[in-house]
Amino acid sequence: MSWQSELVVLTSRLRKARVNNGLSQSQVASQLGICERSYRDFEAGKRDLSSSRLFKLAQTLGIRILIS
């Protein structure tokens, strides 16, 4: 699997976790300290998050991210 397809899988799983937690993109962006547009671009695969924000996102959503 290429890194691009892995990114699509990651962002779709994070989107699903966000929705399952009843959070809007705006709410998550606020938790991460970024603008809503940046978060929307991240979910769309157009922008990266720093590792610290990615792990904060996981914490916000109540999930674990394992990097291998």
PDB file of N, CA and C in Angstrom:
ATOM      1  N   MET A   1       0.843  -1.169   0.000  1.00  0.00           N
ATOM      2  CA  MET A   1       0.000   0.000   0.000  1.00  0.00           C
ATOM      3  C   MET A   1       0.895   1.242   0.000  1.00  0.00           C
ATOM      4  N   SER A   2       0.576   2.211  -0.832  1.00  0.00           N
ATOM      5  CA  SER A   2       1.373   3.439  -0.918  1.00  0.00           C
ATOM      6  C   SER A   2       1.032   4.373   0.239  1.00  0.00           C
ATOM      7  N   TRP A   3       1.907   5.319   0.489  1.00  0.00           N
ATOM      8  CA  TRP A   3       1.652   6.258   1.588  1.00  0.00           C
ATOM      9  C   TRP A   3       0.413   7.102   1.318  1.00  0.00           C
ATOM     10  N   GLN A   4       0.120   7.377   0.029  1.00  0.00           N
ATOM     11  CA  GLN A   4      -1.066   8.159  -0.296  1.00  0.00           C
ATOM     12  C   GLN A   4      -2.337   7.413   0.077  1.00  0.00           C
ATOM     13  N   SER A   5      -2.377   6.124  -0.224  1.00  0.00           N
ATOM     14  CA  SER A   5      -3.570   5.353   0.113  1.00  0.00           C
ATOM     15  C   SER A   5      -3.679   5.151   1.621  1.00  0.00           C
ATOM     16  N   GLU A   6      -2.527   5.037   2.297  1.00  0.00           N
ATOM     17  CA  GLU A   6      -2.554   4.935   3.757  1.00  0.00           C
ATOM     18  C   GLU A   6      -3.079   6.224   4.377  1.00  0.00           C
ATOM     19  N   LEU A   7      -2.722   7.365   3.788  1.00  0.00           N
ATOM     20  CA  LEU A   7      -3.222   8.641   4.279  1.00  0.00           C
ATOM     21  C   LEU A   7      -4.734   8.730   4.116  1.00  0.00           C
ATOM     22  N   VAL A   8      -5.249   8.264   2.994  1.00  0.00           N
ATOM     23  CA  VAL A   8      -6.692   8.269   2.759  1.00  0.00           C
ATOM     24  C   VAL A   8      -7.393   7.404   3.803  1.00  0.00           C
ATOM     25  N   VAL A   9      -6.831   6.243   4.098  1.00  0.00           N
ATOM     26  CA  VAL A   9      -7.417   5.354   5.112  1.00  0.00           C
ATOM     27  C   VAL A   9      -7.392   6.041   6.477  1.00  0.00           C
ATOM     28  N   LEU A  10      -6.259   6.645   6.819  1.00  0.00           N
ATOM     29  CA  LEU A  10      -6.132   7.326   8.106  1.00  0.00           C
ATOM     30  C   LEU A  10      -7.162   8.441   8.234  1.00  0.00           C
ATOM     31  N   THR A  11      -7.226   9.325   7.256  1.00  0.00           N
ATOM     32  CA  THR A  11      -8.131  10.469   7.371  1.00  0.00           C
ATOM     33  C   THR A  11      -9.597  10.028   7.368  1.00  0.00           C
ATOM     34  N   SER A  12      -9.934   8.984   6.626  1.00  0.00           N
ATOM     35  CA  SER A  12     -11.335   8.532   6.648  1.00  0.00           C
ATOM     36  C   SER A  12     -11.678   7.897   7.989  1.00  0.00           C
ATOM     37  N   ARG A  13     -10.744   7.190   8.600  1.00  0.00           N
ATOM     38  CA  ARG A  13     -10.995   6.625   9.932  1.00  0.00           C
ATOM     39  C   ARG A  13     -11.115   7.725  10.981  1.00  0.00           C
ATOM     40  N   LEU A  14     -10.273   8.741  10.869  1.00  0.00           N
ATOM     41  CA  LEU A  14     -10.359   9.851  11.815  1.00  0.00           C
ATOM     42  C   LEU A  14     -11.671  10.606  11.637  1.00  0.00           C
ATOM     43  N   ARG A  15     -12.102  10.802  10.401  1.00  0.00           N
ATOM     44  CA  ARG A  15     -13.380  11.462  10.127  1.00  0.00           C
ATOM     45  C   ARG A  15     -14.516  10.670  10.757  1.00  0.00           C
ATOM     46  N   LYS A  16     -14.494   9.361  10.573  1.00  0.00           N
ATOM     47  CA  LYS A  16     -15.540   8.500  11.135  1.00  0.00           C
ATOM     48  C   LYS A  16     -15.539   8.582  12.664  1.00  0.00           C
ATOM     49  N   ALA A  17     -14.370   8.573  13.283  1.00  0.00           N
ATOM     50  CA  ALA A  17     -14.272   8.678  14.742  1.00  0.00           C
ATOM     51  C   ALA A  17     -14.805  10.031  15.212  1.00  0.00           C
ATOM     52  N   ARG A  18     -14.496  11.095  14.464  1.00  0.00           N
ATOM     53  CA  ARG A  18     -14.997  12.426  14.819  1.00  0.00           C
ATOM     54  C   ARG A  18     -16.514  12.458  14.791  1.00  0.00           C
ATOM     55  N   VAL A  19     -17.091  11.938  13.720  1.00  0.00           N
ATOM     56  CA  VAL A  19     -18.550  11.914  13.581  1.00  0.00           C
ATOM     57  C   VAL A  19     -19.172  11.040  14.672  1.00  0.00           C
ATOM     58  N   ASN A  20     -18.582   9.878  14.935  1.00  0.00           N
ATOM     59  CA  ASN A  20     -19.098   8.988  15.977  1.00  0.00           C
ATOM     60  C   ASN A  20     -19.068   9.629  17.358  1.00  0.00           C
ATOM     61  N   ASN A  21     -18.126  10.553  17.566  1.00  0.00           N
ATOM     62  CA  ASN A  21     -18.038  11.269  18.832  1.00  0.00           C
ATOM     63  C   ASN A  21     -18.919  12.514  18.859  1.00  0.00           C
ATOM     64  N   GLY A  22     -19.642  12.751  17.773  1.00  0.00           N
ATOM     65  CA  GLY A  22     -20.558  13.886  17.706  1.00  0.00           C
ATOM     66  C   GLY A  22     -19.861  15.234  17.651  1.00  0.00           C
ATOM     67  N   LEU A  23     -18.666  15.258  17.082  1.00  0.00           N
ATOM     68  CA  LEU A  23     -17.886  16.494  17.008  1.00  0.00           C
ATOM     69  C   LEU A  23     -17.892  17.047  15.586  1.00  0.00           C
ATOM     70  N   SER A  24     -17.966  18.365  15.491  1.00  0.00           N
ATOM     71  CA  SER A  24     -17.866  19.016  14.184  1.00  0.00           C
ATOM     72  C   SER A  24     -16.397  19.262  13.872  1.00  0.00           C
ATOM     73  N   GLN A  25     -16.127  19.564  12.622  1.00  0.00           N
ATOM     74  CA  GLN A  25     -14.765  19.910  12.238  1.00  0.00           C
ATOM     75  C   GLN A  25     -14.310  21.163  12.972  1.00  0.00           C
ATOM     76  N   SER A  26     -15.208  22.090  13.174  1.00  0.00           N
ATOM     77  CA  SER A  26     -14.889  23.320  13.881  1.00  0.00           C
ATOM     78  C   SER A  26     -14.495  23.037  15.334  1.00  0.00           C
ATOM     79  N   GLN A  27     -15.221  22.153  15.990  1.00  0.00           N
ATOM     80  CA  GLN A  27     -14.904  21.806  17.376  1.00  0.00           C
ATOM     81  C   GLN A  27     -13.537  21.140  17.487  1.00  0.00           C
ATOM     82  N   VAL A  28     -13.248  20.220  16.577  1.00  0.00           N
ATOM     83  CA  VAL A  28     -11.955  19.537  16.608  1.00  0.00           C
ATOM     84  C   VAL A  28     -10.832  20.521  16.317  1.00  0.00           C
ATOM     85  N   ALA A  29     -11.034  21.379  15.337  1.00  0.00           N
ATOM     86  CA  ALA A  29     -10.011  22.378  15.006  1.00  0.00           C
ATOM     87  C   ALA A  29      -9.710  23.250  16.218  1.00  0.00           C
ATOM     88  N   SER A  30     -10.737  23.646  16.931  1.00  0.00           N
ATOM     89  CA  SER A  30     -10.556  24.465  18.124  1.00  0.00           C
ATOM     90  C   SER A  30      -9.739  23.713  19.183  1.00  0.00           C
ATOM     91  N   GLN A  31     -10.028  22.430  19.369  1.00  0.00           N
ATOM     92  CA  GLN A  31      -9.269  21.606  20.318  1.00  0.00           C
ATOM     93  C   GLN A  31      -7.797  21.516  19.936  1.00  0.00           C
ATOM     94  N   LEU A  32      -7.528  21.519  18.636  1.00  0.00           N
ATOM     95  CA  LEU A  32      -6.156  21.382  18.146  1.00  0.00           C
ATOM     96  C   LEU A  32      -5.429  22.724  18.047  1.00  0.00           C
ATOM     97  N   GLY A  33      -6.172  23.814  18.187  1.00  0.00           N
ATOM     98  CA  GLY A  33      -5.559  25.137  18.091  1.00  0.00           C
ATOM     99  C   GLY A  33      -5.238  25.552  16.669  1.00  0.00           C
ATOM    100  N   ILE A  34      -6.055  25.075  15.719  1.00  0.00           N
ATOM    101  CA  ILE A  34      -5.877  25.441  14.314  1.00  0.00           C
ATOM    102  C   ILE A  34      -7.202  25.943  13.766  1.00  0.00           C
ATOM    103  N   CYS A  35      -7.173  26.580  12.608  1.00  0.00           N
ATOM    104  CA  CYS A  35      -8.416  27.061  12.016  1.00  0.00           C
ATOM    105  C   CYS A  35      -9.185  25.887  11.392  1.00  0.00           C
ATOM    106  N   GLU A  36     -10.485  26.099  11.270  1.00  0.00           N
ATOM    107  CA  GLU A  36     -11.351  25.044  10.718  1.00  0.00           C
ATOM    108  C   GLU A  36     -10.909  24.663   9.308  1.00  0.00           C
ATOM    109  N   ARG A  37     -10.525  25.626   8.523  1.00  0.00           N
ATOM    110  CA  ARG A  37     -10.093  25.356   7.143  1.00  0.00           C
ATOM    111  C   ARG A  37      -8.907  24.391   7.115  1.00  0.00           C
ATOM    112  N   SER A  38      -7.957  24.587   8.002  1.00  0.00           N
ATOM    113  CA  SER A  38      -6.787  23.700   8.072  1.00  0.00           C
ATOM    114  C   SER A  38      -7.219  22.283   8.421  1.00  0.00           C
ATOM    115  N   TYR A  39      -8.159  22.175   9.342  1.00  0.00           N
ATOM    116  CA  TYR A  39      -8.618  20.831   9.720  1.00  0.00           C
ATOM    117  C   TYR A  39      -9.398  20.186   8.566  1.00  0.00           C
ATOM    118  N   ARG A  40     -10.238  20.957   7.907  1.00  0.00           N
ATOM    119  CA  ARG A  40     -10.976  20.404   6.753  1.00  0.00           C
ATOM    120  C   ARG A  40     -10.010  19.927   5.683  1.00  0.00           C
ATOM    121  N   ASP A  41      -8.963  20.709   5.435  1.00  0.00           N
ATOM    122  CA  ASP A  41      -7.964  20.313   4.447  1.00  0.00           C
ATOM    123  C   ASP A  41      -7.242  19.033   4.881  1.00  0.00           C
ATOM    124  N   PHE A  42      -6.998  18.886   6.177  1.00  0.00           N
ATOM    125  CA  PHE A  42      -6.380  17.658   6.676  1.00  0.00           C
ATOM    126  C   PHE A  42      -7.282  16.462   6.405  1.00  0.00           C
ATOM    127  N   GLU A  43      -8.556  16.563   6.747  1.00  0.00           N
ATOM    128  CA  GLU A  43      -9.481  15.442   6.512  1.00  0.00           C
ATOM    129  C   GLU A  43      -9.608  15.127   5.032  1.00  0.00           C
ATOM    130  N   ALA A  44      -9.420  16.126   4.192  1.00  0.00           N
ATOM    131  CA  ALA A  44      -9.507  15.922   2.744  1.00  0.00           C
ATOM    132  C   ALA A  44      -8.193  15.419   2.159  1.00  0.00           C
ATOM    133  N   GLY A  45      -7.169  15.296   2.992  1.00  0.00           N
ATOM    134  CA  GLY A  45      -5.878  14.813   2.518  1.00  0.00           C
ATOM    135  C   GLY A  45      -5.040  15.863   1.811  1.00  0.00           C
ATOM    136  N   LYS A  46      -5.396  17.136   1.994  1.00  0.00           N
ATOM    137  CA  LYS A  46      -4.687  18.224   1.321  1.00  0.00           C
ATOM    138  C   LYS A  46      -3.627  18.872   2.192  1.00  0.00           C
ATOM    139  N   ARG A  47      -3.613  18.543   3.478  1.00  0.00           N
ATOM    140  CA  ARG A  47      -2.683  19.176   4.412  1.00  0.00           C
ATOM    141  C   ARG A  47      -2.307  18.149   5.473  1.00  0.00           C
ATOM    142  N   ASP A  48      -1.099  18.272   5.974  1.00  0.00           N
ATOM    143  CA  ASP A  48      -0.632  17.404   7.053  1.00  0.00           C
ATOM    144  C   ASP A  48      -0.820  18.092   8.392  1.00  0.00           C
ATOM    145  N   LEU A  49      -0.862  17.281   9.438  1.00  0.00           N
ATOM    146  CA  LEU A  49      -0.829  17.793  10.798  1.00  0.00           C
ATOM    147  C   LEU A  49       0.523  17.449  11.392  1.00  0.00           C
ATOM    148  N   SER A  50       0.997  18.283  12.276  1.00  0.00           N
ATOM    149  CA  SER A  50       2.235  17.947  12.981  1.00  0.00           C
ATOM    150  C   SER A  50       1.964  16.712  13.835  1.00  0.00           C
ATOM    151  N   SER A  51       3.016  16.011  14.178  1.00  0.00           N
ATOM    152  CA  SER A  51       2.836  14.799  14.988  1.00  0.00           C
ATOM    153  C   SER A  51       2.194  15.126  16.330  1.00  0.00           C
ATOM    154  N   SER A  52       2.551  16.247  16.928  1.00  0.00           N
ATOM    155  CA  SER A  52       1.950  16.603  18.218  1.00  0.00           C
ATOM    156  C   SER A  52       0.453  16.859  18.070  1.00  0.00           C
ATOM    157  N   ARG A  53       0.052  17.503  16.981  1.00  0.00           N
ATOM    158  CA  ARG A  53      -1.389  17.735  16.758  1.00  0.00           C
ATOM    159  C   ARG A  53      -2.100  16.439  16.391  1.00  0.00           C
ATOM    160  N   LEU A  54      -1.426  15.564  15.680  1.00  0.00           N
ATOM    161  CA  LEU A  54      -2.033  14.283  15.331  1.00  0.00           C
ATOM    162  C   LEU A  54      -2.319  13.468  16.591  1.00  0.00           C
ATOM    163  N   PHE A  55      -1.366  13.451  17.520  1.00  0.00           N
ATOM    164  CA  PHE A  55      -1.591  12.712  18.757  1.00  0.00           C
ATOM    165  C   PHE A  55      -2.616  13.409  19.651  1.00  0.00           C
ATOM    166  N   LYS A  56      -2.679  14.733  19.606  1.00  0.00           N
ATOM    167  CA  LYS A  56      -3.724  15.450  20.339  1.00  0.00           C
ATOM    168  C   LYS A  56      -5.087  15.137  19.740  1.00  0.00           C
ATOM    169  N   LEU A  57      -5.150  15.014  18.425  1.00  0.00           N
ATOM    170  CA  LEU A  57      -6.387  14.632  17.750  1.00  0.00           C
ATOM    171  C   LEU A  57      -6.835  13.254  18.209  1.00  0.00           C
ATOM    172  N   ALA A  58      -5.906  12.324  18.263  1.00  0.00           N
ATOM    173  CA  ALA A  58      -6.249  10.972  18.727  1.00  0.00           C
ATOM    174  C   ALA A  58      -6.793  11.019  20.149  1.00  0.00           C
ATOM    175  N   GLN A  59      -6.161  11.806  20.990  1.00  0.00           N
ATOM    176  CA  GLN A  59      -6.617  11.940  22.369  1.00  0.00           C
ATOM    177  C   GLN A  59      -8.017  12.544  22.411  1.00  0.00           C
ATOM    178  N   THR A  60      -8.259  13.568  21.616  1.00  0.00           N
ATOM    179  CA  THR A  60      -9.571  14.213  21.552  1.00  0.00           C
ATOM    180  C   THR A  60     -10.650  13.224  21.123  1.00  0.00           C
ATOM    181  N   LEU A  61     -10.304  12.342  20.188  1.00  0.00           N
ATOM    182  CA  LEU A  61     -11.274  11.382  19.658  1.00  0.00           C
ATOM    183  C   LEU A  61     -11.334  10.094  20.475  1.00  0.00           C
ATOM    184  N   GLY A  62     -10.436   9.943  21.443  1.00  0.00           N
ATOM    185  CA  GLY A  62     -10.440   8.755  22.281  1.00  0.00           C
ATOM    186  C   GLY A  62      -9.958   7.511  21.543  1.00  0.00           C
ATOM    187  N   ILE A  63      -8.986   7.711  20.645  1.00  0.00           N
ATOM    188  CA  ILE A  63      -8.442   6.581  19.891  1.00  0.00           C
ATOM    189  C   ILE A  63      -6.931   6.558  20.028  1.00  0.00           C
ATOM    190  N   ARG A  64      -6.329   5.455  19.623  1.00  0.00           N
ATOM    191  CA  ARG A  64      -4.876   5.328  19.614  1.00  0.00           C
ATOM    192  C   ARG A  64      -4.392   5.310  18.174  1.00  0.00           C
ATOM    193  N   ILE A  65      -3.251   5.903  17.961  1.00  0.00           N
ATOM    194  CA  ILE A  65      -2.602   5.846  16.654  1.00  0.00           C
ATOM    195  C   ILE A  65      -1.285   5.126  16.845  1.00  0.00           C
ATOM    196  N   LEU A  66      -1.126   4.025  16.123  1.00  0.00           N
ATOM    197  CA  LEU A  66       0.106   3.253  16.186  1.00  0.00           C
ATOM    198  C   LEU A  66       0.881   3.481  14.904  1.00  0.00           C
ATOM    199  N   ILE A  67       2.128   3.810  15.054  1.00  0.00           N
ATOM    200  CA  ILE A  67       2.982   4.057  13.891  1.00  0.00           C
ATOM    201  C   ILE A  67       4.007   2.929  13.819  1.00  0.00           C
ATOM    202  N   SER A  68       4.027   2.288  12.670  1.00  0.00           N
ATOM    203  CA  SER A  68       4.990   1.180  12.525  1.00  0.00           C
ATOM    204  C   SER A  68       5.994   1.467  11.432  1.00  0.00           C
TER     205      SER A  68
END
